[in-house]
C-alpha atoms as a PDB file:
ATOM      1  CA  MET A   1      12.802  -9.382  11.303  1.00  0.00           C
ATOM      2  CA  LYS A   2      11.378 -12.365   9.417  1.00  0.00           C
ATOM      3  CA  THR A   3       7.649 -12.752   8.808  1.00  0.00           C
ATOM      4  CA  THR A   4       5.951 -15.908  10.055  1.00  0.00           C
ATOM      5  CA  PRO A   5       3.360 -17.974   8.181  1.00  0.00           C
ATOM      6  CA  GLU A   6       0.788 -16.814  10.750  1.00  0.00           C
ATOM      7  CA  HIS A   7       1.687 -13.167  10.124  1.00  0.00           C
ATOM      8  CA  ASN A   8       1.416 -13.653   6.359  1.00  0.00           C
ATOM      9  CA  GLU A   9      -1.976 -15.367   6.720  1.00  0.00           C
ATOM     10  CA  ARG A  10      -3.288 -12.588   8.970  1.00  0.00           C
ATOM     11  CA  ILE A  11      -2.304  -9.968   6.388  1.00  0.00           C
ATOM     12  CA  ALA A  12      -3.860 -11.992   3.549  1.00  0.00           C
ATOM     13  CA  LYS A  13      -7.223 -12.227   5.352  1.00  0.00           C
ATOM     14  CA  MET A  14      -7.327  -8.589   6.492  1.00  0.00           C
ATOM     15  CA  THR A  15      -9.791  -6.506   4.477  1.00  0.00           C
ATOM     16  CA  PHE A  16      -8.593  -3.471   2.576  1.00  0.00           C
ATOM     17  CA  SER A  17     -11.724  -1.597   3.699  1.00  0.00           C
ATOM     18  CA  SER A  18     -10.714  -2.038   7.360  1.00  0.00           C
ATOM     19  CA  VAL A  19      -7.320  -0.399   6.767  1.00  0.00           C
ATOM     20  CA  TYR A  20      -8.282   2.248   4.196  1.00  0.00           C
ATOM     21  CA  PRO A  21      -9.848   4.709   6.725  1.00  0.00           C
ATOM     22  CA  HIS A  22      -6.582   4.609   8.691  1.00  0.00           C
ATOM     23  CA  TYR A  23      -4.640   5.494   5.534  1.00  0.00           C
ATOM     24  CA  VAL A  24      -6.982   8.450   4.927  1.00  0.00           C
ATOM     25  CA  THR A  25      -6.692   9.670   8.515  1.00  0.00           C
ATOM     26  CA  LYS A  26      -2.916   9.301   8.502  1.00  0.00           C
ATOM     27  CA  VAL A  27      -2.386  11.388   5.377  1.00  0.00           C
ATOM     28  CA  GLU A  28      -5.050  13.996   6.158  1.00  0.00           C
ATOM     29  CA  ASN A  29      -3.611  14.542   9.658  1.00  0.00           C
ATOM     30  CA  LYS A  30      -0.355  15.488   7.917  1.00  0.00           C
ATOM     31  CA  ASN A  31      -2.020  17.954   5.516  1.00  0.00           C
ATOM     32  CA  ARG A  32      -2.047  15.610   2.534  1.00  0.00           C
ATOM     33  CA  THR A  33      -5.224  14.813   0.628  1.00  0.00           C
ATOM     34  CA  LYS A  34      -7.383  11.800  -0.070  1.00  0.00           C
ATOM     35  CA  GLU A  35      -6.798  12.528  -3.769  1.00  0.00           C
ATOM     36  CA  GLU A  36      -3.034  12.212  -3.241  1.00  0.00           C
ATOM     37  CA  LEU A  37      -3.620   8.937  -1.388  1.00  0.00           C
ATOM     38  CA  HIS A  38      -5.676   7.655  -4.317  1.00  0.00           C
ATOM     39  CA  GLN A  39      -2.925   8.718  -6.721  1.00  0.00           C
ATOM     40  CA  VAL A  40      -0.415   6.669  -4.731  1.00  0.00           C
ATOM     41  CA  ILE A  41      -2.730   3.646  -4.589  1.00  0.00           C
ATOM     42  CA  GLU A  42      -3.422   3.901  -8.322  1.00  0.00           C
ATOM     43  CA  TRP A  43       0.304   4.101  -9.101  1.00  0.00           C
ATOM     44  CA  LEU A  44       0.967   0.919  -7.127  1.00  0.00           C
ATOM     45  CA  THR A  45      -2.114  -1.107  -8.089  1.00  0.00           C
ATOM     46  CA  GLY A  46      -3.605   0.381 -11.258  1.00  0.00           C
ATOM     47  CA  PHE A  47      -6.961   0.837  -9.481  1.00  0.00           C
ATOM     48  CA  ASP A  48      -8.804   4.018 -10.442  1.00  0.00           C
ATOM     49  CA  GLU A  49     -11.253   5.771  -8.097  1.00  0.00           C
ATOM     50  CA  GLN A  50     -14.233   3.700  -9.267  1.00  0.00           C
ATOM     51  CA  LYS A  51     -12.474   0.353  -8.878  1.00  0.00           C
ATOM     52  CA  LEU A  52     -11.091   1.351  -5.482  1.00  0.00           C
ATOM     53  CA  GLN A  53     -14.586   2.207  -4.209  1.00  0.00           C
ATOM     54  CA  GLU A  54     -15.907  -1.103  -5.573  1.00  0.00           C
ATOM     55  CA  LEU A  55     -13.196  -3.045  -3.709  1.00  0.00           C
ATOM     56  CA  ILE A  56     -13.968  -1.141  -0.500  1.00  0.00           C
ATOM     57  CA  LEU A  57     -17.709  -1.775  -0.904  1.00  0.00           C
ATOM     58  CA  HIS A  58     -17.159  -5.510  -1.423  1.00  0.00           C
ATOM     59  CA  LYS A  59     -14.819  -5.679   1.592  1.00  0.00           C
ATOM     60  CA  VAL A  60     -12.154  -7.611  -0.296  1.00  0.00           C
ATOM     61  CA  THR A  61      -9.207  -9.092   1.546  1.00  0.00           C
ATOM     62  CA  PHE A  62      -5.691  -7.903   0.808  1.00  0.00           C
ATOM     63  CA  GLU A  63      -5.210 -11.258  -0.912  1.00  0.00           C
ATOM     64  CA  THR A  64      -8.008 -10.479  -3.401  1.00  0.00           C
ATOM     65  CA  PHE A  65      -6.995  -6.806  -3.596  1.00  0.00           C
ATOM     66  CA  PHE A  66      -3.501  -7.658  -4.843  1.00  0.00           C
ATOM     67  CA  GLU A  67      -4.684 -10.596  -6.988  1.00  0.00           C
ATOM     68  CA  GLU A  68      -6.765  -8.056  -8.946  1.00  0.00           C
ATOM     69  CA  ALA A  69      -4.042  -5.387  -8.977  1.00  0.00           C
ATOM     70  CA  GLN A  70      -1.611  -4.671 -11.785  1.00  0.00           C
ATOM     71  CA  VAL A  71       1.323  -3.965  -9.462  1.00  0.00           C
ATOM     72  CA  ASN A  72       3.597  -1.270 -10.884  1.00  0.00           C
ATOM     73  CA  SER A  73       6.820  -2.636 -12.346  1.00  0.00           C
ATOM     74  CA  ASN A  74       8.759  -0.022 -10.344  1.00  0.00           C
ATOM     75  CA  ALA A  75       7.340  -1.260  -7.024  1.00  0.00           C
ATOM     76  CA  ALA A  76      10.586  -3.155  -6.389  1.00  0.00           C
ATOM     77  CA  LEU A  77      12.241   0.268  -6.018  1.00  0.00           C
ATOM     78  CA  ILE A  78      10.302   0.739  -2.756  1.00  0.00           C
ATOM     79  CA  LYS A  79      12.802  -0.015  -0.024  1.00  0.00           C
ATOM     80  CA  GLY A  80      13.229   0.627   3.658  1.00  0.00           C
ATOM     81  CA  VAL A  81      11.684  -0.390   6.960  1.00  0.00           C
ATOM     82  CA  ILE A  82       7.965  -0.348   7.654  1.00  0.00           C
ATOM     83  CA  CYS A  83       6.245  -1.842  10.705  1.00  0.00           C
ATOM     84  CA  GLY A  84       9.593  -3.267  11.815  1.00  0.00           C
ATOM     85  CA  TYR A  85      10.203  -5.166   8.570  1.00  0.00           C
ATOM     86  CA  ARG A  86      12.799  -4.384   5.909  1.00  0.00           C
ATOM     87  CA  ILE A  87      10.731  -4.553   2.717  1.00  0.00           C
ATOM     88  CA  GLU A  88      13.576  -5.922   0.601  1.00  0.00           C
ATOM     89  CA  GLU A  89      13.882  -8.929   2.917  1.00  0.00           C
ATOM     90  CA  ILE A  90      10.209  -9.972   2.972  1.00  0.00           C
ATOM     91  CA  GLU A  91       9.909 -13.274   1.108  1.00  0.00           C
ATOM     92  CA  ASN A  92       6.111 -13.642   0.965  1.00  0.00           C
ATOM     93  CA  LEU A  93       4.938 -11.733  -2.130  1.00  0.00           C
ATOM     94  CA  LEU A  94       1.565 -10.640  -0.735  1.00  0.00           C
ATOM     95  CA  THR A  95       3.066  -9.424   2.537  1.00  0.00           C
ATOM     96  CA  LYS A  96       5.697  -7.520   0.533  1.00  0.00           C
ATOM     97  CA  GLN A  97       2.993  -5.884  -1.621  1.00  0.00           C
ATOM     98  CA  VAL A  98       0.976  -4.809   1.429  1.00  0.00           C
ATOM     99  CA  ARG A  99       4.141  -3.347   2.954  1.00  0.00           C
ATOM    100  CA  TYR A 100       4.822  -1.503  -0.324  1.00  0.00           C
ATOM    101  CA  LEU A 101       1.440   0.166   0.110  1.00  0.00           C
ATOM    102  CA  ASP A 102       2.100   0.907   3.791  1.00  0.00           C
ATOM    103  CA  LYS A 103       5.469   2.447   2.908  1.00  0.00           C
ATOM    104  CA  LEU A 104       3.985   4.672   0.183  1.00  0.00           C
ATOM    105  CA  VAL A 105       1.263   5.902   2.556  1.00  0.00           C
ATOM    106  CA  ASP A 106       3.913   6.552   5.202  1.00  0.00           C
ATOM    107  CA  GLU A 107       6.044   8.546   2.749  1.00  0.00           C
ATOM    108  CA  LEU A 108       3.011  10.585   1.694  1.00  0.00           C
ATOM    109  CA  ALA A 109       2.173  11.360   5.325  1.00  0.00           C
ATOM    110  CA  LYS A 110       5.777  12.369   5.986  1.00  0.00           C
ATOM    111  CA  GLY A 111       5.561  15.014   3.269  1.00  0.00           C
ATOM    112  CA  ARG A 112       7.766  13.378   0.662  1.00  0.00           C
ATOM    113  CA  LYS A 113       7.385  14.827  -2.831  1.00  0.00           C
ATOM    114  CA  MET A 114       4.983  12.907  -5.066  1.00  0.00           C
ATOM    115  CA  ASP A 115       7.558  12.268  -7.821  1.00  0.00           C
ATOM    116  CA  LYS A 116       9.820  10.615  -5.225  1.00  0.00           C
ATOM    117  CA  ILE A 117       6.972   8.540  -3.756  1.00  0.00           C
ATOM    118  CA  LEU A 118       5.963   7.330  -7.210  1.00  0.00           C
ATOM    119  CA  ARG A 119       9.559   6.487  -8.083  1.00  0.00           C
ATOM    120  CA  THR A 120       9.479   8.630 -11.218  1.00  0.00           C
ATOM    121  CA  ALA A 121      12.322  11.079 -10.552  1.00  0.00           C
ATOM    122  CA  LYS A 122      15.561  10.318 -12.362  1.00  0.00           C
END
């Protein structure tokens, strides 16, 4: 499935703070913790707890969120299908980065081991 310019624009303008509570609920409903979620977000973006709360408070868009992020160099190892899109095939960089985050949250909720989620296991 190919993303459309309209889809990419909608993702860019969506606020991280509007999606974040859904991430928390998703992982906590599967007996994972908010701390684990923050670990995953920090691995992908470089944002520590304080910076994450600041971004939520300021209601930044995903566009601003990822402009300020230091995306992990191993993020390209995140592959698979999320929300009907094969991550490797997404051409728009921002949309791909948001789907990286969605995929990591999904893996956390599914009980995958943290070293596998963070692409650190050899």
